[in-house]
Amino acid sequence: MAAPGSEPGNDVHGTGHLGHPDRAGRNGGGGSLADGYADQLTWYSGRRRATLDWSEVTHVRFDTRLDFSVRATVLLTGGRKVRLPYESTPPDKLMEAALNAHGISTERHHFSLIG
């Protein structure tokens, strides 16, 4: 059973989506949930869904690519890395603010053409 507010296409502001109030993810095909789930970070993309407890997350890394898209990677306490699907990732500044509100630190890495 899907978590409340996590149904694809549910883009109503205030349901828990981290992101722009007019869309769930980058193209409406995915989304991330945090509000209302005090102990979990949840995302979905098509038929794929995943949930992490906030206690498992050490920090989140935002990588800016050459085309200026931003990819998010969640780093876990055991050293494992989980890359969020691009279509599930809300605008990076909004996501960063929500993560900071949950006490999760973030780091940014920008592309480099040299070394």
Protein backbone atom coordinates (compact mmCIF):
# COMPACT_ATOMS: atom_id res chain seq x y z
CA MET A 1 0.00 0.00 0.00
CA ALA A 2 1.34 3.42 -0.92
CA ALA A 3 2.01 6.00 1.72
CA PRO A 4 -0.59 8.78 1.90
CA GLY A 5 0.21 11.51 -0.60
CA SER A 6 2.71 9.35 -2.49
CA GLU A 7 0.49 8.41 -5.40
CA PRO A 8 1.99 9.45 -8.75
CA GLY A 9 0.41 12.64 -9.97
CA ASN A 10 -0.48 13.82 -6.46
CA ASP A 11 1.05 17.25 -6.78
CA VAL A 12 -0.95 19.20 -4.23
CA HIS A 13 1.25 21.41 -2.09
CA GLY A 14 1.26 20.31 1.53
CA THR A 15 1.06 16.55 0.96
CA GLY A 16 4.67 16.12 1.96
CA HIS A 17 6.37 16.49 -1.41
CA LEU A 18 9.73 18.16 -1.22
CA GLY A 19 9.65 20.42 -4.19
CA HIS A 20 7.74 22.87 -6.30
CA PRO A 21 4.07 23.19 -5.31
CA ASP A 22 2.94 22.57 -8.89
CA ARG A 23 4.73 19.27 -9.52
CA ALA A 24 5.74 16.15 -7.66
CA GLY A 25 9.17 15.63 -9.23
CA ARG A 26 11.08 16.90 -12.24
CA ASN A 27 8.41 15.83 -14.71
CA GLY A 28 5.52 14.73 -12.49
CA GLY A 29 6.58 11.07 -12.77
CA GLY A 30 8.12 10.80 -9.34
CA GLY A 31 8.40 12.51 -6.03
CA SER A 32 9.97 12.69 -2.60
CA LEU A 33 8.20 12.79 0.72
CA ALA A 34 9.47 14.08 4.05
CA ASP A 35 6.87 16.19 5.85
CA GLY A 36 4.47 14.07 7.86
CA TYR A 37 7.04 11.27 7.99
CA ALA A 38 9.20 12.53 10.83
CA ASP A 39 11.42 9.46 10.86
CA GLN A 40 11.65 8.62 7.12
CA LEU A 41 12.72 9.89 3.71
CA THR A 42 10.57 8.32 0.97
CA TRP A 43 10.72 8.63 -2.80
CA TYR A 44 9.10 7.01 -5.80
CA SER A 45 9.54 6.86 -9.54
CA GLY A 46 7.13 4.83 -11.62
CA ARG A 47 6.89 1.45 -9.90
CA ARG A 48 10.06 1.96 -7.86
CA ARG A 49 9.66 3.11 -4.26
CA ALA A 50 12.12 3.35 -1.41
CA THR A 51 12.19 4.52 2.18
CA LEU A 52 15.10 5.38 4.48
CA ASP A 53 14.98 6.21 8.16
CA TRP A 54 16.49 9.63 8.93
CA SER A 55 18.71 7.88 11.50
CA GLU A 56 20.41 5.99 8.62
CA VAL A 57 21.31 9.18 6.70
CA THR A 58 24.65 10.85 7.45
CA HIS A 59 24.35 13.53 4.76
CA VAL A 60 23.18 14.24 1.22
CA ARG A 61 25.49 15.21 -1.61
CA PHE A 62 24.31 17.39 -4.52
CA ASP A 63 26.37 17.06 -7.71
CA THR A 64 25.92 19.71 -10.40
CA ARG A 65 26.60 18.25 -13.81
CA LEU A 66 27.88 19.89 -16.96
CA ASP A 67 24.31 20.41 -18.22
CA PHE A 68 23.53 22.16 -14.87
CA SER A 69 21.23 19.36 -13.71
CA VAL A 70 21.67 18.46 -10.05
CA ARG A 71 21.81 14.83 -8.87
CA ALA A 72 21.28 13.91 -5.24
CA THR A 73 23.05 11.07 -3.44
CA VAL A 74 22.09 10.00 0.08
CA LEU A 75 25.05 8.75 2.13
CA LEU A 76 24.19 6.24 4.83
CA THR A 77 25.77 5.45 8.19
CA GLY A 78 27.16 2.11 6.92
CA GLY A 79 29.02 3.88 4.09
CA ARG A 80 26.48 2.90 1.44
CA LYS A 81 25.38 5.47 -1.15
CA VAL A 82 21.88 5.73 -2.59
CA ARG A 83 21.35 7.87 -5.68
CA LEU A 84 17.88 9.41 -5.90
CA PRO A 85 16.28 9.01 -9.32
CA TYR A 86 16.42 12.32 -11.16
CA GLU A 87 12.67 12.37 -11.78
CA SER A 88 12.08 11.99 -8.02
CA THR A 89 14.41 14.77 -7.02
CA PRO A 90 12.76 18.12 -6.30
CA PRO A 91 14.59 21.40 -6.99
CA ASP A 92 17.83 21.19 -5.06
CA LYS A 93 17.46 24.37 -3.02
CA LEU A 94 14.03 23.32 -1.72
CA MET A 95 15.27 19.83 -0.94
CA GLU A 96 18.33 21.20 0.84
CA ALA A 97 16.14 23.43 3.03
CA ALA A 98 13.89 20.49 3.94
CA LEU A 99 16.89 18.27 4.72
CA ASN A 100 18.42 20.95 6.92
CA ALA A 101 15.10 21.26 8.76
CA HIS A 102 15.44 17.55 9.58
CA GLY A 103 19.02 18.08 10.80
CA ILE A 104 20.60 16.41 7.75
CA SER A 105 23.75 18.11 6.48
CA THR A 106 24.33 18.63 2.78
CA GLU A 107 27.36 19.17 0.58
CA ARG A 108 27.62 20.49 -2.96
CA HIS A 109 30.02 19.47 -5.70
CA HIS A 110 30.12 21.33 -9.00
CA PHE A 111 31.39 19.92 -12.25
CA SER A 112 34.95 20.57 -13.24
CA LEU A 113 36.50 20.31 -16.66
CA ILE A 114 39.96 20.06 -15.14
CA GLY A 115 40.94 17.34 -12.69
